[in-house]
Protein backbone atom coordinates (compact mmCIF):
# COMPACT_ATOMS: atom_id res chain seq x y z
CA MET A 1 -58.45 23.91 33.19
CA VAL A 2 -58.39 25.34 29.74
CA SER A 3 -56.78 22.05 28.07
CA GLY A 4 -57.89 19.69 29.72
CA GLU A 5 -54.72 17.97 30.28
CA VAL A 6 -52.39 17.26 33.25
CA PRO A 7 -50.25 20.75 33.11
CA GLU A 8 -46.53 20.43 33.19
CA GLU A 9 -46.27 24.01 34.75
CA PRO A 10 -48.97 24.54 36.86
CA VAL A 11 -50.28 27.22 38.69
CA VAL A 12 -53.89 28.86 40.88
CA SER A 13 -55.66 31.85 40.62
CA LYS A 14 -55.70 33.77 44.02
CA ASN A 15 -59.67 35.15 43.56
CA SER A 16 -61.09 31.82 42.24
CA GLY A 17 -58.85 28.58 43.23
CA LEU A 18 -58.56 27.52 39.53
CA LEU A 19 -55.89 25.60 38.33
CA PHE A 20 -53.98 26.16 35.42
CA GLU A 21 -51.23 25.95 32.71
CA LYS A 22 -49.05 28.68 33.11
CA ARG A 23 -48.50 29.37 29.64
CA LEU A 24 -52.27 29.34 28.45
CA ILE A 25 -53.15 30.80 30.95
CA GLU A 26 -50.49 33.87 30.51
CA ARG A 27 -51.79 34.16 26.71
CA HIS A 28 -55.04 34.57 27.52
CA ILE A 29 -54.77 37.17 30.39
CA LEU A 30 -53.19 39.21 27.78
CA ASP A 31 -55.62 38.36 24.70
CA TYR A 32 -58.32 39.54 26.68
CA GLY A 33 -57.57 40.50 30.99
CA LYS A 34 -59.87 37.97 32.58
CA CYS A 35 -60.89 34.48 33.57
CA PRO A 36 -61.80 31.81 31.15
CA VAL A 37 -64.08 30.18 33.47
CA THR A 38 -65.43 32.46 35.66
CA GLY A 39 -65.18 36.02 33.64
CA GLU A 40 -63.58 37.87 36.25
CA PRO A 41 -60.88 40.22 35.70
CA LEU A 42 -57.48 38.47 35.96
CA THR A 43 -53.97 39.87 36.22
CA MET A 44 -50.37 38.32 36.06
CA ASP A 45 -50.40 39.40 39.88
CA ASP A 46 -53.45 37.23 40.81
CA ILE A 47 -51.58 33.84 39.53
CA VAL A 48 -49.75 32.22 41.68
CA PRO A 49 -47.23 28.95 40.64
CA ILE A 50 -47.25 25.72 42.49
CA LYS A 51 -44.21 23.62 43.05
CA THR A 52 -44.32 19.98 41.57
CA GLY A 53 -41.57 17.05 41.52
CA LYS A 54 -39.88 16.88 38.75
CA ILE A 55 -38.08 13.11 38.46
CA VAL A 56 -41.85 11.93 38.83
CA LYS A 57 -44.16 13.35 36.54
CA PRO A 58 -47.96 13.46 36.49
CA ARG A 59 -49.43 10.71 34.74
CA PRO A 60 -50.73 11.72 31.35
CA LEU A 61 -53.59 11.02 29.76
CA THR A 62 -52.40 8.09 27.34
CA ALA A 63 -51.90 5.97 30.64
CA ALA A 64 -55.65 5.95 30.74
CA SER A 65 -55.51 3.21 28.41
CA ILE A 66 -54.20 -0.30 27.64
CA PRO A 67 -52.48 0.52 23.92
CA GLY A 68 -51.26 4.33 25.62
CA MET A 69 -49.34 2.42 28.06
CA LEU A 70 -48.25 0.14 25.67
CA GLY A 71 -46.70 2.93 24.26
CA MET A 72 -45.24 4.49 26.86
CA PHE A 73 -43.23 1.33 27.85
CA GLN A 74 -42.09 1.36 24.30
CA ASN A 75 -40.83 4.50 24.55
CA GLU A 76 -39.07 3.66 27.81
CA TRP A 77 -37.58 0.36 25.96
CA ASP A 78 -36.07 2.31 22.97
CA GLY A 79 -34.87 5.02 25.88
CA LEU A 80 -32.52 2.34 27.92
CA MET A 81 -31.52 0.34 24.61
CA LEU A 82 -30.10 3.71 23.54
CA SER A 83 -28.25 4.31 26.57
CA ASN A 84 -26.64 0.66 27.04
CA PHE A 85 -25.54 1.19 23.21
CA ALA A 86 -24.16 4.50 24.53
CA LEU A 87 -22.56 2.90 27.63
CA GLU A 88 -21.11 0.01 25.94
CA GLN A 89 -19.60 1.92 23.14
CA GLN A 90 -17.68 3.94 25.72
CA LEU A 91 -16.35 0.95 27.56
CA HIS A 92 -15.38 -0.12 23.82
CA THR A 93 -13.28 2.92 23.74
CA ALA A 94 -11.95 3.07 27.00
CA ARG A 95 -10.77 -0.80 26.32
CA GLN A 96 -9.15 0.69 23.18
CA GLU A 97 -7.67 3.47 25.23
CA LEU A 98 -6.48 1.13 27.82
CA SER A 99 -4.99 -1.08 25.29
CA HIS A 100 -2.63 1.67 23.67
CA ALA A 101 -1.61 2.81 26.94
CA LEU A 102 -0.47 -0.55 28.53
CA TYR A 103 1.59 -1.45 24.54
CA GLN A 104 3.01 1.83 23.69
CA PRO A 105 5.50 1.60 27.00
CA ILE A 106 5.95 -1.73 26.26
CA GLN A 107 7.28 -1.03 22.47
CA ILE A 108 8.79 2.26 23.81
CA ALA A 109 11.08 0.36 26.40
CA ILE A 110 12.18 -2.14 23.47
CA LYS A 111 13.24 0.74 21.08
CA SER A 112 14.90 2.24 23.80
CA SER A 113 17.12 -0.68 24.78
CA LEU A 114 17.67 -1.61 21.15
CA GLU A 115 19.22 1.84 20.99
CA ARG A 116 21.08 1.55 23.78
CA LEU A 117 22.90 -1.71 23.10
CA THR A 118 23.64 -0.26 19.34
CA ASP A 119 24.51 3.44 19.97
CA PRO A 120 28.20 3.79 19.68
CA SER A 121 28.61 6.49 22.72
CA ILE A 122 27.68 4.43 25.07
CA LEU A 123 30.77 1.19 24.40
CA ILE A 124 33.18 4.07 26.33
CA CYS A 125 32.81 1.39 29.23
CA PRO A 126 34.70 -1.66 29.14
CA GLN A 127 32.52 -3.30 31.42
CA HIS A 128 29.63 -3.09 28.81
CA ASP A 129 31.50 -3.21 25.78
CA ALA A 130 32.34 -7.04 26.97
CA ALA A 131 28.73 -7.50 27.88
CA CYS A 132 27.89 -6.35 24.26
CA ARG A 133 29.98 -8.90 23.04
CA VAL A 134 28.98 -11.43 25.03
CA ILE A 135 25.43 -11.13 24.75
CA ALA A 136 26.76 -11.03 20.35
CA ARG A 137 28.10 -14.26 20.21
CA LEU A 138 24.92 -16.18 22.34
CA LYS A 139 22.86 -14.25 19.98
CA LYS A 140 25.09 -15.72 17.23
CA GLU A 141 24.87 -19.27 18.72
CA ARG A 142 20.96 -19.16 19.11
CA ASP A 143 20.46 -18.92 15.72
CA GLU A 144 23.43 -21.39 14.36
CA ALA A 145 20.98 -23.96 16.53
CA ARG A 146 18.07 -22.36 15.36
CA SER A 147 19.33 -23.29 11.95
CA LEU A 148 20.62 -26.47 12.45
CA LEU A 149 17.15 -27.31 14.03
CA ALA A 150 15.08 -26.16 10.96
CA GLN A 151 17.45 -27.84 8.52
CA SER A 152 17.04 -31.42 10.31
CA GLU A 153 13.36 -30.91 10.69
CA ARG A 154 13.06 -30.53 6.76
CA GLN A 155 14.63 -33.50 6.52
CA ILE A 156 12.18 -35.45 8.24
CA MET A 157 9.56 -33.43 6.80
CA PRO A 158 8.80 -34.94 3.70
CA ALA A 159 8.34 -38.07 5.35
CA GLU A 160 6.02 -36.77 8.10
CA SER A 161 4.63 -34.77 5.33
CA THR A 162 2.99 -37.44 3.49
CA ALA A 163 1.28 -38.92 7.02
CA VAL A 164 0.02 -35.80 7.41
CA THR A 165 -1.34 -35.05 4.43
CA SER A 166 -3.37 -38.08 3.96
CA ASN A 167 -5.10 -37.43 7.25
CA ALA A 168 -5.44 -34.05 7.54
CA ALA A 169 -6.36 -33.63 3.32
CA LEU A 170 -10.15 -33.31 2.73
CA SER A 171 -11.34 -32.78 -0.75
CA ASN A 172 -12.14 -28.93 -2.49
CA GLY A 173 -9.15 -28.08 -0.08
CA LYS A 174 -10.38 -28.71 3.08
CA ARG A 175 -8.26 -29.60 5.64
CA ALA A 176 -7.24 -29.59 8.82
CA PRO A 177 -4.86 -27.27 10.66
CA GLU A 178 -1.11 -27.95 10.79
CA ASP A 179 1.44 -26.69 13.57
CA GLU A 180 3.84 -24.28 12.79
CA ASP A 181 7.67 -23.28 13.20
CA LEU A 182 7.64 -20.17 14.76
CA GLY A 183 10.60 -18.19 15.72
CA PRO A 184 11.20 -14.90 17.84
CA ALA A 185 8.02 -12.87 17.51
CA GLY A 186 6.36 -15.26 16.31
CA LYS A 187 8.48 -15.09 12.85
CA LYS A 188 8.33 -18.53 10.45
CA LEU A 189 11.90 -19.76 10.59
CA HIS A 190 13.41 -20.57 7.08
CA THR A 191 16.31 -22.34 6.07
CA GLY A 192 17.10 -20.99 2.85
CA ILE A 193 18.22 -22.11 -0.43
CA THR A 194 20.88 -24.92 0.44
CA PRO A 195 24.26 -25.52 -1.67
CA ALA A 196 22.74 -28.38 -3.08
CA ILE A 197 19.51 -26.74 -4.25
CA ILE A 198 21.38 -23.89 -5.73
CA ALA A 199 23.97 -26.53 -7.61
CA GLU A 200 20.51 -28.55 -8.89
CA LEU A 201 19.46 -24.91 -10.18
CA THR A 202 22.40 -24.33 -12.04
CA ASP A 203 22.34 -27.82 -13.61
CA CYS A 204 19.21 -27.51 -14.72
CA ASN A 205 20.12 -23.66 -16.42
CA ALA A 206 23.21 -25.01 -18.31
CA ALA A 207 20.91 -28.44 -19.74
CA LEU A 208 18.27 -25.85 -20.77
CA SER A 209 20.76 -23.35 -21.72
CA GLN A 210 22.06 -25.95 -24.01
CA GLN A 211 18.48 -27.37 -25.47
CA ARG A 212 17.73 -23.98 -26.88
CA LYS A 213 21.15 -23.26 -28.83
CA LYS A 214 19.67 -26.51 -30.91
CA ARG A 215 16.43 -25.62 -30.63
CA GLN A 216 14.25 -24.64 -33.62
CA VAL A 217 10.92 -23.38 -34.31
CA PRO A 218 8.25 -26.68 -34.27
CA PRO A 219 6.72 -27.72 -37.02
CA ALA A 220 3.15 -27.86 -35.81
CA LEU A 221 3.16 -24.00 -34.91
CA ALA A 222 0.39 -22.26 -36.37
CA PRO A 223 1.78 -19.69 -39.35
CA ILE A 224 1.05 -16.00 -39.65
CA ASP A 225 -1.40 -16.27 -42.12
CA ALA A 226 -3.69 -18.97 -39.68
CA LEU A 227 -3.41 -16.32 -37.07
CA GLU A 228 -4.79 -13.56 -39.21
CA ARG A 229 -8.22 -15.85 -39.83
CA TYR A 230 -8.56 -16.52 -36.26
CA THR A 231 -12.02 -16.04 -34.61
CA GLN A 232 -14.16 -17.08 -31.56
CA LEU A 233 -14.39 -20.78 -31.99
CA ALA A 234 -16.26 -20.77 -28.32
CA SER A 235 -17.25 -19.08 -24.96
CA HIS A 236 -17.47 -21.68 -21.90
CA PRO A 237 -20.15 -19.99 -18.86
CA LEU A 238 -17.16 -21.31 -16.04
CA HIS A 239 -17.50 -19.32 -12.87
CA LYS A 240 -20.39 -18.04 -11.19
CA THR A 241 -23.02 -15.46 -12.71
CA SER A 242 -23.35 -13.70 -9.00
CA LYS A 243 -19.76 -12.91 -8.82
CA PRO A 244 -18.57 -13.15 -12.89
CA GLY A 245 -15.32 -12.19 -13.70
CA ILE A 246 -11.87 -14.49 -14.77
CA VAL A 247 -8.77 -13.15 -13.41
CA SER A 248 -6.31 -15.55 -14.24
CA LEU A 249 -5.46 -18.41 -16.35
CA ASP A 250 -3.07 -20.98 -17.41
CA ILE A 251 -2.60 -24.00 -20.16
CA HIS A 252 -1.49 -27.71 -19.38
CA TYR A 253 0.20 -28.42 -22.24
CA SER A 254 0.11 -31.90 -22.96
CA LYS A 255 -2.97 -32.37 -21.31
CA ASP A 256 -5.15 -29.45 -23.29
CA VAL A 257 -6.84 -28.37 -19.88
CA ILE A 258 -7.30 -24.70 -19.20
CA ALA A 259 -7.27 -23.27 -15.34
CA THR A 260 -9.07 -20.53 -14.48
CA GLY A 261 -9.19 -18.23 -11.47
CA GLY A 262 -12.51 -16.15 -10.77
CA VAL A 263 -13.58 -13.41 -8.63
CA ASP A 264 -16.55 -16.01 -7.33
CA THR A 265 -13.16 -17.86 -5.01
CA ASN A 266 -13.25 -20.82 -7.26
CA ALA A 267 -10.34 -22.41 -9.68
CA VAL A 268 -12.12 -24.59 -12.69
CA LEU A 269 -10.15 -26.82 -15.08
CA PHE A 270 -11.71 -27.00 -17.95
CA ASP A 271 -11.22 -30.24 -21.10
CA ARG A 272 -10.83 -27.92 -24.19
CA PRO A 273 -11.03 -30.53 -26.37
CA SER A 274 -14.07 -32.19 -25.03
CA GLY A 275 -15.81 -28.87 -23.76
CA GLN A 276 -16.10 -30.12 -20.60
CA ILE A 277 -14.96 -28.86 -17.16
CA VAL A 278 -12.76 -31.67 -15.67
CA THR A 279 -13.30 -30.09 -11.58
CA THR A 280 -14.34 -26.70 -9.75
CA LEU A 281 -11.25 -26.22 -6.56
CA SER A 282 -13.26 -24.36 -3.86
CA GLY A 283 -11.30 -23.30 -0.52
CA HIS A 284 -10.68 -19.89 -0.40
CA SER A 285 -12.45 -17.33 0.66
CA LYS A 286 -11.90 -14.26 -2.49
CA LYS A 287 -10.80 -14.03 -5.40
CA VAL A 288 -8.34 -16.41 -7.29
CA THR A 289 -5.47 -14.34 -8.23
CA SER A 290 -3.07 -16.97 -9.81
CA VAL A 291 -3.04 -20.28 -11.17
CA LYS A 292 -0.51 -22.08 -12.58
CA PHE A 293 -0.03 -26.07 -13.28
CA VAL A 294 2.82 -27.93 -12.67
CA THR A 295 3.69 -29.91 -15.57
CA GLU A 296 5.26 -33.04 -13.93
CA GLY A 297 3.45 -34.85 -10.64
CA ASP A 298 0.07 -33.40 -11.50
CA LEU A 299 0.25 -30.60 -9.42
CA PHE A 300 -1.57 -27.86 -9.75
CA LEU A 301 -1.38 -24.05 -7.61
CA THR A 302 -3.66 -21.38 -6.71
CA GLY A 303 -2.99 -18.03 -5.02
CA SER A 304 -6.04 -15.94 -3.62
CA ALA A 305 -6.21 -12.56 -1.95
CA ASP A 306 -7.97 -14.69 0.59
CA LYS A 307 -6.66 -14.23 5.21
CA VAL A 308 -6.62 -16.18 7.92
CA GLY A 309 -5.99 -14.36 11.16
CA HIS A 310 -5.71 -15.13 14.94
CA SER A 311 -5.30 -11.70 17.82
CA GLN A 312 -3.14 -11.56 20.19
CA LEU A 313 -4.37 -9.61 23.68
CA PHE A 314 -3.36 -5.74 23.41
CA LEU A 315 -1.80 -6.32 19.82
CA PRO A 316 -3.29 -5.79 16.01
CA GLN A 317 -4.76 -9.09 13.81
CA ILE A 318 -1.86 -11.23 12.58
CA SER A 319 -3.45 -12.48 8.86
CA SER A 320 -1.67 -14.31 6.50
CA LEU A 321 -2.90 -14.65 2.60
CA THR A 322 -2.96 -18.36 1.55
CA VAL A 323 -1.35 -20.18 -1.31
CA ARG A 324 -2.91 -24.15 -1.87
CA VAL A 325 -0.93 -26.80 -3.85
CA TRP A 326 -3.79 -29.15 -5.07
CA GLN A 327 -2.18 -32.88 -6.35
CA GLY A 328 -4.40 -34.61 -8.96
CA SER A 329 -5.67 -37.80 -8.67
CA GLU A 330 -6.52 -40.84 -11.14
CA ASP A 331 -10.03 -40.01 -10.79
CA GLY A 332 -9.34 -36.58 -12.10
CA ASN A 333 -10.76 -35.08 -8.60
CA TYR A 334 -7.92 -32.95 -6.81
CA ASP A 335 -7.32 -32.76 -2.47
CA CYS A 336 -5.91 -29.71 -1.19
CA LYS A 337 -1.91 -31.20 -0.03
CA HIS A 338 -0.39 -27.84 1.02
CA THR A 339 -1.99 -24.51 2.53
CA LEU A 340 1.12 -22.17 2.51
CA LYS A 341 0.81 -18.82 4.74
CA ASP A 342 4.05 -17.13 4.70
CA HIS A 343 2.56 -13.56 2.85
CA THR A 344 0.38 -11.17 5.45
CA ALA A 345 -1.20 -9.56 2.07
CA GLU A 346 -2.98 -10.38 -1.00
CA VAL A 347 -0.66 -13.20 -3.39
CA GLN A 348 -0.86 -11.53 -6.85
CA ALA A 349 1.33 -14.29 -8.89
CA VAL A 350 2.70 -17.83 -8.57
CA THR A 351 5.40 -19.29 -10.83
CA VAL A 352 7.31 -22.42 -11.35
CA HIS A 353 10.69 -23.39 -11.69
CA ALA A 354 12.08 -24.98 -14.53
CA THR A 355 12.81 -27.93 -12.47
CA ASN A 356 9.25 -28.55 -11.54
CA LYS A 357 10.49 -28.96 -7.63
CA TYR A 358 9.92 -25.47 -6.86
CA PHE A 359 8.23 -22.14 -7.46
CA VAL A 360 7.83 -18.60 -6.03
CA THR A 361 4.23 -16.49 -4.63
CA ALA A 362 4.80 -12.76 -4.95
CA SER A 363 2.76 -10.40 -2.88
CA LEU A 364 1.76 -7.21 -2.02
CA ASP A 365 3.50 -7.62 1.49
CA ASN A 366 6.56 -6.70 -0.56
CA THR A 367 8.13 -9.99 -0.22
CA TRP A 368 8.55 -13.20 -2.67
CA CYS A 369 9.02 -16.28 -1.09
CA PHE A 370 10.53 -19.76 -2.27
CA TYR A 371 8.83 -22.43 -1.87
CA ASP A 372 9.70 -26.93 -1.92
CA LEU A 373 7.32 -28.23 -4.33
CA SER A 374 7.03 -31.36 -2.54
CA SER A 375 7.06 -30.52 1.09
CA GLY A 376 5.38 -27.05 0.62
CA ILE A 377 8.05 -24.98 2.83
CA CYS A 378 9.33 -21.47 2.60
CA LEU A 379 13.20 -21.95 1.94
CA THR A 380 13.52 -17.93 2.15
CA GLN A 381 11.01 -15.00 1.83
CA VAL A 382 12.63 -11.82 0.67
CA SER A 383 11.75 -8.36 1.04
CA ASP A 384 13.24 -5.43 -1.08
CA ALA A 385 12.79 -1.52 0.40
CA GLY A 386 11.17 0.63 -2.32
CA THR A 387 11.79 3.87 -3.91
CA ASP A 388 13.01 6.51 -1.51
CA GLY A 389 12.55 3.70 1.53
CA ARG A 390 8.66 3.38 0.74
CA PRO A 391 7.45 -0.39 0.51
CA GLU A 392 6.28 -1.51 -3.08
CA GLY A 393 3.78 -4.43 -3.23
CA TYR A 394 4.63 -7.20 -6.21
CA THR A 395 2.22 -7.24 -8.07
CA SER A 396 3.67 -10.11 -10.88
CA ALA A 397 6.45 -12.55 -11.68
CA ALA A 398 7.70 -15.16 -14.08
CA PHE A 399 10.27 -16.97 -14.27
CA HIS A 400 13.22 -16.85 -16.76
CA PRO A 401 12.90 -19.97 -19.55
CA ASP A 402 16.18 -20.94 -17.69
CA GLY A 403 15.39 -20.80 -14.09
CA LEU A 404 18.29 -18.56 -12.70
CA ILE A 405 16.40 -15.32 -12.57
CA LEU A 406 13.25 -13.86 -11.09
CA GLY A 407 11.20 -11.27 -12.61
CA THR A 408 8.88 -9.30 -10.30
CA GLY A 409 6.48 -6.24 -11.55
CA THR A 410 5.72 -4.02 -8.45
CA SER A 411 2.13 -1.21 -7.63
CA GLU A 412 5.14 1.46 -7.90
CA ALA A 413 5.55 0.74 -11.37
CA LEU A 414 9.33 -0.83 -11.30
CA VAL A 415 10.43 -3.67 -12.93
CA LYS A 416 12.86 -5.84 -10.64
CA ILE A 417 15.41 -8.78 -11.99
CA TRP A 418 16.44 -10.85 -9.12
CA ASP A 419 19.12 -13.71 -9.23
CA VAL A 420 17.23 -16.56 -7.65
CA LYS A 421 21.10 -18.17 -5.80
CA SER A 422 21.89 -14.83 -4.04
CA GLN A 423 18.01 -13.53 -4.20
CA ALA A 424 20.09 -10.15 -4.79
CA ASN A 425 18.11 -7.40 -6.83
CA VAL A 426 20.28 -7.25 -9.98
CA ALA A 427 18.50 -4.63 -12.20
CA LYS A 428 15.75 -2.31 -12.40
CA PHE A 429 13.25 -1.05 -15.14
CA ASP A 430 11.58 1.97 -14.45
CA GLY A 431 9.04 4.02 -17.26
CA HIS A 432 5.90 2.28 -16.58
CA VAL A 433 2.44 4.21 -15.50
CA GLY A 434 1.19 2.21 -12.56
CA ALA A 435 1.24 -0.84 -11.52
CA VAL A 436 2.99 -3.93 -13.29
CA THR A 437 0.39 -6.24 -13.94
CA ALA A 438 2.04 -8.77 -15.93
CA ILE A 439 5.50 -10.09 -16.92
CA SER A 440 6.52 -12.80 -19.57
CA PHE A 441 10.10 -14.04 -20.58
CA SER A 442 10.35 -14.92 -24.36
CA GLU A 443 11.48 -18.14 -24.83
CA ASN A 444 14.81 -17.50 -26.79
CA GLY A 445 15.16 -15.67 -22.76
CA TYR A 446 16.55 -12.51 -24.52
CA TYR A 447 13.46 -10.00 -24.20
CA LEU A 448 11.01 -9.29 -21.37
CA ALA A 449 7.48 -8.21 -21.96
CA THR A 450 5.70 -6.14 -19.01
CA ALA A 451 2.10 -4.44 -19.35
CA ALA A 452 1.15 -1.65 -17.39
CA HIS A 453 -1.99 0.69 -17.15
CA ASP A 454 0.15 2.61 -19.71
CA GLY A 455 0.46 -0.22 -22.28
CA VAL A 456 3.36 -2.26 -23.06
CA LYS A 457 6.96 -2.54 -22.84
CA LEU A 458 9.57 -4.49 -23.92
CA TRP A 459 13.35 -5.07 -22.32
CA ASP A 460 16.58 -6.28 -24.06
CA LEU A 461 17.66 -8.18 -21.13
CA ARG A 462 21.56 -8.51 -22.79
CA LYS A 463 21.58 -4.99 -22.59
CA LEU A 464 19.26 -3.93 -20.05
CA LYS A 465 17.10 -1.02 -21.75
CA ASN A 466 13.49 -0.81 -23.82
CA PHE A 467 13.26 -0.99 -27.00
CA ARG A 468 9.63 -0.56 -28.20
CA SER A 469 6.98 -0.05 -26.26
CA PHE A 470 2.98 -0.36 -27.35
CA GLU A 471 0.60 1.87 -25.93
CA SER A 472 -3.03 0.40 -24.83
CA SER A 473 -5.91 1.29 -27.32
CA ASP A 474 -8.28 2.64 -24.35
CA SER A 475 -6.07 4.97 -22.05
CA GLU A 476 -8.56 4.48 -19.47
CA THR A 477 -8.36 0.72 -19.57
CA PRO A 478 -4.77 -0.63 -18.01
CA THR A 479 -3.30 -3.46 -19.83
CA ASN A 480 -3.95 -7.03 -17.66
CA SER A 481 -1.86 -9.58 -19.30
CA VAL A 482 1.26 -10.60 -21.41
CA ASP A 483 2.42 -13.43 -22.82
CA PHE A 484 4.66 -15.14 -25.32
CA ASP A 485 3.82 -18.36 -26.90
CA HIS A 486 5.94 -21.28 -26.07
CA SER A 487 7.97 -20.81 -29.70
CA GLY A 488 8.86 -17.20 -28.81
CA SER A 489 7.51 -16.64 -32.43
CA TYR A 490 4.33 -14.58 -30.63
CA LEU A 491 3.16 -12.13 -28.32
CA ALA A 492 -0.21 -12.22 -27.13
CA VAL A 493 -1.55 -8.47 -25.09
CA ALA A 494 -4.84 -7.86 -23.38
CA SER A 495 -6.62 -4.67 -22.40
CA ALA A 496 -9.85 -3.37 -23.89
CA ASP A 497 -9.01 -6.01 -26.73
CA ILE A 498 -6.99 -8.69 -27.46
CA ARG A 499 -4.07 -8.07 -29.78
CA VAL A 500 -1.42 -10.77 -31.06
CA TYR A 501 2.19 -9.25 -32.12
CA GLN A 502 4.79 -10.54 -34.54
CA VAL A 503 8.13 -10.99 -32.15
CA ALA A 504 11.18 -9.69 -34.16
CA SER A 505 14.63 -8.38 -33.30
CA VAL A 506 15.19 -5.53 -31.71
CA LYS A 507 15.51 -3.02 -34.75
CA ALA A 508 12.56 -4.76 -36.58
CA ASP A 509 9.25 -3.81 -36.17
CA TRP A 510 6.96 -6.09 -34.02
CA ASN A 511 3.93 -5.89 -36.42
CA CYS A 512 0.35 -6.47 -35.28
CA ILE A 513 -1.06 -9.81 -36.79
CA LYS A 514 -4.61 -9.76 -35.06
CA THR A 515 -6.81 -7.75 -33.19
CA PHE A 516 -9.77 -8.88 -31.47
CA PRO A 517 -12.19 -7.24 -29.93
CA ASP A 518 -13.51 -7.53 -26.00
CA LEU A 519 -16.49 -9.85 -27.04
CA SER A 520 -17.73 -9.76 -23.08
CA GLY A 521 -19.12 -6.61 -23.07
CA THR A 522 -16.90 -5.17 -20.14
CA GLY A 523 -14.66 -3.67 -21.86
CA LYS A 524 -11.80 -5.57 -20.32
CA ALA A 525 -10.19 -8.28 -21.26
CA THR A 526 -8.00 -9.73 -17.88
CA CYS A 527 -5.81 -12.48 -18.81
CA VAL A 528 -4.53 -14.07 -22.48
CA LYS A 529 -2.46 -17.19 -22.81
CA PHE A 530 -1.30 -19.31 -25.92
CA GLY A 531 -2.17 -22.83 -26.44
CA PRO A 532 -0.10 -25.46 -27.40
CA ASP A 533 1.73 -24.15 -30.45
CA ALA A 534 -0.55 -21.62 -31.21
CA LYS A 535 -3.38 -23.43 -31.99
CA TYR A 536 -5.88 -21.41 -30.09
CA ILE A 537 -5.59 -18.49 -28.13
CA ALA A 538 -7.40 -18.78 -24.59
CA VAL A 539 -8.90 -15.41 -23.13
CA GLY A 540 -10.19 -14.43 -19.83
CA SER A 541 -12.51 -10.59 -19.34
CA MET A 542 -14.77 -9.58 -16.54
CA ASP A 543 -17.63 -11.79 -17.17
CA ARG A 544 -18.15 -15.67 -16.12
CA ASN A 545 -17.36 -16.96 -19.84
CA LEU A 546 -13.41 -18.39 -21.16
CA ARG A 547 -13.43 -17.89 -24.67
CA VAL A 548 -11.18 -19.94 -26.92
CA PHE A 549 -9.99 -18.03 -30.36
CA GLY A 550 -8.78 -20.29 -33.48
CA LEU A 551 -9.16 -21.12 -36.73
CA PRO A 552 -12.85 -22.29 -37.86
CA GLY A 553 -13.13 -25.83 -38.15
CA ASN A 554 -11.45 -27.16 -35.42
CA ASP A 555 -12.58 -29.66 -32.98
CA ALA A 556 -13.38 -27.64 -30.19
CA PRO A 557 -16.99 -27.40 -29.41
CA SER A 558 -18.44 -23.76 -30.44
CA GLU A 559 -20.58 -23.60 -26.93
CA SER A 560 -20.99 -25.06 -23.71
């Protein structure tokens, strides 16, 4: 042997009977033409190959020691694990193919049956026509029975809800799961907006319209010269450093409490006069996209991008995106009263009706839901086909001050106006670039401000047309928030900076009173809101700080 190792392709010399590795002896014969051991002349004709078993290989030299054997065992184990992983992958693929093969014929059969039932050419047979009429009548009776059952359940639900909530609701939003009423194909049943509710909304509209005619600008409203001197009064770190970013904001005017929704999955209630956090609401698993106070009943609403779901055999996972209704208590804590799971995509906006009894949520699943606040029941879920039949998720929503009109913004740059009573889309505004991130109605009900990537557009609701536009100060930064103050005298816009405009008429100029730089260092102000009587302006950005702008010398603390 030349190498001193066990040969992989052994050959033997006819002359000397010596054993060699084939590749090594061939090279030696070509170079020297003689045996490397005896020195005798040697040719390839004198070499005879030896057959060996390929399954069981000769023991290598590494097997002669314990460390070598451990290395061999490790290699064999690694090979076994790789083979097992490959087999598991093949099994998973086979299961998916089997699921698809079983599920697709069911879909095709259902679709074919529906087509046969609805195809007019099939109805030439009198017996078939009569059978279809009977089926249609039975389906109608079934739907009416379901509607009556849902209405009766809704009437008894408030009494049961109080008892269930006391047992199921826990602090910080942790609550036991509740049973859900499901209709065909697992869809939730909705009773619709009843005539009694429509009458209540109409009465509220009439009362607010009468009050608005007599209403004057509050004498305590901050004047223009005061807003021109506004500067940062305070910066409060409310959210986690690990996941910075405030994406939603609201203010309870009578209590002067500011609520913020963060990327860190928490909603924080902050008492501005004292500079102290009232409570931190945890329970969502993803960012809190919308927060909203209910001015009566000490209730608070949060919408989020988190989801809960379940899967069924051979069916894709069904997920529900959550909205939470929080109930305040005398000790300042808030408990989760309802967890609402009617949406299947991220909830982008929550808006409360002027009656403080109903609210609407808007989602990227191309639907908006109208809820009863006390019971947490979704009365109706409205969807609308997008442009050319393409779905358009809703990215913003707000009630008109009188409560009979709902405005929504879509991911396809459209603004849609809805009649709440009939849930009909009565107007559409286009012209924006990018998703409509925020909308705000003026207090007099005449103007609508909408924000998108290209800036802000102002719409005259009396003539249904755009009469003014404000471009963003940075073309790369979308306009994320727009807000009229409660008197309708000022308009705030949040983008790469924060700008405040004086509200004027359609033909007059809307002058920019003040521009605040984004002090967060992120270059992106995400939300803005006027305080009571515009005495201060609250701003959220993509850092974890809530910033308050106002006149120097106010009673608010400078830092916390």
